């Protein structure tokens, strides 16, 4: 197995919500919890951004947080699509 394939397989095992147990279970749990926490923080930031006083005072911080979040979610999405062929369900899709 090539390094590229091992990297893709490892990425899939870490990002896959179906993986239970195994050597990547702890890392997968941390990644899932981090993404979930980022989603919750985005909901809170969006709600806070609707309050004019908060938006006036922290608008720049909220904008930076939004850009950071979109970047993280975009990278996660790209990695999920790239590594999805390692799932038996999508095997041979590429």
N, C-alpha and C. Protein backbone atom coordinates (compact mmCIF):
# COMPACT_ATOMS: atom_id res chain seq x y z
N UNK A 1 0.84 -1.17 0.00
CA UNK A 1 0.00 0.00 0.00
C UNK A 1 0.89 1.24 0.00
N UNK A 2 0.57 2.18 -0.84
CA UNK A 2 1.37 3.40 -0.96
C UNK A 2 1.11 4.33 0.22
N UNK A 3 2.01 5.27 0.40
CA UNK A 3 1.86 6.27 1.45
C UNK A 3 0.59 7.09 1.24
N UNK A 4 0.33 7.45 -0.01
CA UNK A 4 -0.87 8.22 -0.36
C UNK A 4 -2.13 7.47 0.08
N UNK A 5 -2.20 6.20 -0.22
CA UNK A 5 -3.36 5.38 0.12
C UNK A 5 -3.50 5.22 1.63
N UNK A 6 -2.38 5.02 2.32
CA UNK A 6 -2.42 4.90 3.79
C UNK A 6 -2.90 6.19 4.42
N UNK A 7 -2.44 7.32 3.90
CA UNK A 7 -2.86 8.62 4.41
C UNK A 7 -4.36 8.82 4.20
N UNK A 8 -4.85 8.46 3.02
CA UNK A 8 -6.28 8.58 2.72
C UNK A 8 -7.11 7.66 3.62
N UNK A 9 -6.63 6.45 3.82
CA UNK A 9 -7.34 5.49 4.67
C UNK A 9 -7.37 5.96 6.13
N UNK A 10 -6.25 6.46 6.61
CA UNK A 10 -6.17 6.97 7.98
C UNK A 10 -7.10 8.17 8.15
N UNK A 11 -7.10 9.04 7.16
CA UNK A 11 -7.99 10.21 7.20
C UNK A 11 -9.44 9.77 7.28
N UNK A 12 -9.82 8.79 6.48
CA UNK A 12 -11.20 8.28 6.51
C UNK A 12 -11.54 7.70 7.88
N UNK A 13 -10.64 6.92 8.44
CA UNK A 13 -10.90 6.29 9.73
C UNK A 13 -11.06 7.34 10.84
N UNK A 14 -10.30 8.41 10.74
CA UNK A 14 -10.41 9.47 11.75
C UNK A 14 -11.71 10.26 11.58
N UNK A 15 -12.07 10.57 10.34
CA UNK A 15 -13.24 11.42 10.09
C UNK A 15 -14.56 10.66 10.07
N UNK A 16 -14.48 9.35 9.89
CA UNK A 16 -15.70 8.56 9.77
C UNK A 16 -16.43 8.47 11.10
N UNK A 17 -17.70 8.79 11.08
CA UNK A 17 -18.49 8.70 12.31
C UNK A 17 -18.85 7.26 12.63
N UNK A 18 -18.66 6.35 11.66
CA UNK A 18 -19.00 4.94 11.85
C UNK A 18 -17.88 4.15 12.51
N UNK A 19 -16.69 4.74 12.61
CA UNK A 19 -15.58 3.97 13.17
C UNK A 19 -15.70 3.91 14.68
N UNK A 20 -15.74 2.70 15.18
CA UNK A 20 -15.79 2.51 16.63
C UNK A 20 -14.68 1.54 17.00
N UNK A 21 -13.93 1.91 18.00
CA UNK A 21 -12.80 1.08 18.38
C UNK A 21 -11.64 1.30 17.43
N UNK A 22 -10.61 0.54 17.61
CA UNK A 22 -9.46 0.64 16.72
C UNK A 22 -8.49 1.70 17.17
N UNK A 23 -7.37 1.80 16.45
CA UNK A 23 -6.31 2.71 16.87
C UNK A 23 -6.64 4.20 16.71
N UNK A 24 -7.67 4.53 15.93
CA UNK A 24 -7.98 5.93 15.68
C UNK A 24 -9.24 6.39 16.42
N UNK A 25 -9.77 5.56 17.31
CA UNK A 25 -11.02 5.88 17.99
C UNK A 25 -10.90 7.16 18.83
N UNK A 26 -9.82 7.30 19.57
CA UNK A 26 -9.65 8.49 20.41
C UNK A 26 -9.51 9.74 19.56
N UNK A 27 -8.70 9.67 18.52
CA UNK A 27 -8.52 10.82 17.63
C UNK A 27 -9.82 11.16 16.94
N UNK A 28 -10.55 10.16 16.50
CA UNK A 28 -11.84 10.37 15.85
C UNK A 28 -12.82 11.05 16.80
N UNK A 29 -12.83 10.63 18.05
CA UNK A 29 -13.73 11.23 19.04
C UNK A 29 -13.37 12.69 19.29
N UNK A 30 -12.08 12.99 19.35
CA UNK A 30 -11.64 14.38 19.56
C UNK A 30 -12.02 15.25 18.37
N UNK A 31 -11.81 14.74 17.16
CA UNK A 31 -12.15 15.50 15.95
C UNK A 31 -13.66 15.74 15.90
N UNK A 32 -14.45 14.71 16.15
CA UNK A 32 -15.90 14.86 16.13
C UNK A 32 -16.38 15.85 17.19
N UNK A 33 -15.83 15.75 18.39
CA UNK A 33 -16.22 16.68 19.46
C UNK A 33 -15.81 18.11 19.12
N UNK A 34 -14.65 18.27 18.49
CA UNK A 34 -14.18 19.60 18.11
C UNK A 34 -15.08 20.22 17.05
N UNK A 35 -15.46 19.43 16.06
CA UNK A 35 -16.36 19.93 15.02
C UNK A 35 -17.71 20.29 15.62
N UNK A 36 -18.22 19.44 16.51
CA UNK A 36 -19.49 19.72 17.17
C UNK A 36 -19.41 21.01 17.99
N UNK A 37 -18.32 21.19 18.73
CA UNK A 37 -18.13 22.40 19.52
C UNK A 37 -18.05 23.63 18.62
N UNK A 38 -17.37 23.51 17.49
CA UNK A 38 -17.27 24.63 16.56
C UNK A 38 -18.63 24.99 15.99
N UNK A 39 -19.45 23.99 15.72
CA UNK A 39 -20.82 24.25 15.25
C UNK A 39 -21.61 25.01 16.31
N UNK A 40 -21.53 24.56 17.56
CA UNK A 40 -22.24 25.25 18.65
C UNK A 40 -21.76 26.68 18.82
N UNK A 41 -20.45 26.87 18.76
CA UNK A 41 -19.90 28.22 18.88
C UNK A 41 -20.35 29.12 17.73
N UNK A 42 -20.51 28.54 16.54
CA UNK A 42 -21.00 29.32 15.41
C UNK A 42 -22.45 29.73 15.59
N UNK A 43 -23.25 28.84 16.16
CA UNK A 43 -24.64 29.19 16.44
C UNK A 43 -24.69 30.35 17.43
N UNK A 44 -23.89 30.26 18.49
CA UNK A 44 -23.84 31.33 19.49
C UNK A 44 -23.35 32.63 18.85
N UNK A 45 -22.30 32.56 18.05
CA UNK A 45 -21.76 33.75 17.40
C UNK A 45 -22.78 34.38 16.46
N UNK A 46 -23.54 33.56 15.76
CA UNK A 46 -24.56 34.08 14.85
C UNK A 46 -25.65 34.78 15.64
N UNK A 47 -26.06 34.19 16.74
CA UNK A 47 -27.08 34.83 17.58
C UNK A 47 -26.56 36.14 18.15
N UNK A 48 -25.34 36.12 18.67
CA UNK A 48 -24.75 37.35 19.22
C UNK A 48 -24.59 38.42 18.16
N UNK A 49 -24.32 38.02 16.93
CA UNK A 49 -24.14 38.97 15.84
C UNK A 49 -25.41 39.69 15.46
N UNK A 50 -26.55 39.22 15.94
CA UNK A 50 -27.82 39.90 15.65
C UNK A 50 -28.13 41.00 16.65
N UNK A 51 -27.36 41.07 17.73
CA UNK A 51 -27.55 42.12 18.73
C UNK A 51 -26.66 43.30 18.34
N UNK A 52 -27.27 44.45 18.07
CA UNK A 52 -26.54 45.59 17.52
C UNK A 52 -25.37 46.04 18.40
N UNK A 53 -25.57 46.11 19.72
CA UNK A 53 -24.49 46.55 20.61
C UNK A 53 -23.31 45.59 20.57
N UNK A 54 -23.61 44.29 20.57
CA UNK A 54 -22.53 43.29 20.53
C UNK A 54 -21.83 43.32 19.17
N UNK A 55 -22.62 43.44 18.12
CA UNK A 55 -22.04 43.48 16.78
C UNK A 55 -21.15 44.71 16.60
N UNK A 56 -21.57 45.85 17.16
CA UNK A 56 -20.77 47.07 17.06
C UNK A 56 -19.44 46.92 17.80
N UNK A 57 -19.48 46.25 18.95
CA UNK A 57 -18.28 46.12 19.76
C UNK A 57 -17.37 44.97 19.31
N UNK A 58 -17.97 43.87 18.90
CA UNK A 58 -17.19 42.66 18.60
C UNK A 58 -17.35 42.18 17.16
N UNK A 59 -17.83 43.04 16.28
CA UNK A 59 -18.07 42.66 14.90
C UNK A 59 -16.84 42.10 14.20
N UNK A 60 -15.69 42.72 14.44
CA UNK A 60 -14.45 42.26 13.79
C UNK A 60 -14.05 40.87 14.30
N UNK A 61 -14.21 40.65 15.59
CA UNK A 61 -13.88 39.35 16.17
C UNK A 61 -14.82 38.28 15.62
N UNK A 62 -16.10 38.61 15.55
CA UNK A 62 -17.07 37.66 15.01
C UNK A 62 -16.76 37.33 13.55
N UNK A 63 -16.33 38.32 12.80
CA UNK A 63 -16.00 38.10 11.38
C UNK A 63 -14.77 37.18 11.25
N UNK A 64 -13.75 37.42 12.06
CA UNK A 64 -12.55 36.57 12.04
C UNK A 64 -12.93 35.14 12.42
N UNK A 65 -13.77 34.99 13.44
CA UNK A 65 -14.22 33.67 13.86
C UNK A 65 -15.00 32.98 12.73
N UNK A 66 -15.81 33.75 12.03
CA UNK A 66 -16.57 33.19 10.90
C UNK A 66 -15.64 32.69 9.79
N UNK A 67 -14.63 33.48 9.47
CA UNK A 67 -13.67 33.08 8.43
C UNK A 67 -12.91 31.83 8.87
N UNK A 68 -12.48 31.80 10.12
CA UNK A 68 -11.79 30.63 10.66
C UNK A 68 -12.68 29.39 10.56
N UNK A 69 -13.94 29.53 10.98
CA UNK A 69 -14.87 28.40 10.98
C UNK A 69 -15.13 27.88 9.58
N UNK A 70 -15.37 28.78 8.66
CA UNK A 70 -15.61 28.37 7.27
C UNK A 70 -14.39 27.64 6.72
N UNK A 71 -13.21 28.11 7.07
CA UNK A 71 -11.97 27.45 6.63
C UNK A 71 -11.88 26.03 7.18
N UNK A 72 -12.16 25.86 8.48
CA UNK A 72 -12.10 24.54 9.10
C UNK A 72 -13.14 23.62 8.47
N UNK A 73 -14.37 24.11 8.30
CA UNK A 73 -15.42 23.27 7.72
C UNK A 73 -15.12 22.91 6.28
N UNK A 74 -14.51 23.82 5.54
CA UNK A 74 -14.15 23.54 4.14
C UNK A 74 -13.07 22.47 4.06
N UNK A 75 -12.06 22.59 4.89
CA UNK A 75 -10.99 21.57 4.91
C UNK A 75 -11.56 20.23 5.32
N UNK A 76 -12.42 20.21 6.34
CA UNK A 76 -13.02 18.95 6.76
C UNK A 76 -13.83 18.32 5.62
N UNK A 77 -14.61 19.13 4.93
CA UNK A 77 -15.43 18.62 3.83
C UNK A 77 -14.56 18.04 2.71
N UNK A 78 -13.52 18.77 2.34
CA UNK A 78 -12.63 18.30 1.28
C UNK A 78 -11.97 16.99 1.69
N UNK A 79 -11.51 16.90 2.94
CA UNK A 79 -10.89 15.66 3.41
C UNK A 79 -11.88 14.50 3.42
N UNK A 80 -13.12 14.77 3.79
CA UNK A 80 -14.14 13.71 3.79
C UNK A 80 -14.41 13.20 2.36
N UNK A 81 -14.53 14.12 1.42
CA UNK A 81 -14.77 13.71 0.02
C UNK A 81 -13.56 12.95 -0.51
N UNK A 82 -12.36 13.47 -0.26
CA UNK A 82 -11.13 12.83 -0.75
C UNK A 82 -10.96 11.43 -0.19
N UNK A 83 -11.27 11.25 1.08
CA UNK A 83 -11.01 9.96 1.71
C UNK A 83 -12.19 9.00 1.67
N UNK A 84 -13.32 9.45 1.18
CA UNK A 84 -14.53 8.62 1.20
C UNK A 84 -14.41 7.33 0.38
N UNK A 85 -13.52 7.30 -0.59
CA UNK A 85 -13.36 6.08 -1.38
C UNK A 85 -12.79 4.94 -0.56
N UNK A 86 -12.29 5.22 0.62
CA UNK A 86 -11.78 4.17 1.50
C UNK A 86 -12.90 3.44 2.23
N UNK A 87 -14.10 3.99 2.17
CA UNK A 87 -15.26 3.32 2.75
C UNK A 87 -15.71 2.22 1.80
N UNK A 88 -16.12 1.09 2.35
CA UNK A 88 -16.62 0.02 1.49
C UNK A 88 -17.83 0.47 0.68
N UNK A 89 -18.61 1.36 1.25
CA UNK A 89 -19.81 1.87 0.58
C UNK A 89 -19.47 2.63 -0.71
N UNK A 90 -18.34 3.34 -0.71
CA UNK A 90 -17.96 4.16 -1.87
C UNK A 90 -16.75 3.61 -2.60
N UNK A 91 -16.34 2.41 -2.31
CA UNK A 91 -15.15 1.81 -2.91
C UNK A 91 -15.27 1.82 -4.44
N UNK A 92 -14.22 2.28 -5.07
CA UNK A 92 -14.18 2.32 -6.53
C UNK A 92 -14.85 3.54 -7.14
N UNK A 93 -15.24 4.51 -6.32
CA UNK A 93 -15.92 5.70 -6.83
C UNK A 93 -14.97 6.60 -7.62
N UNK A 94 -13.67 6.52 -7.30
CA UNK A 94 -12.69 7.33 -8.04
C UNK A 94 -11.86 6.43 -8.90
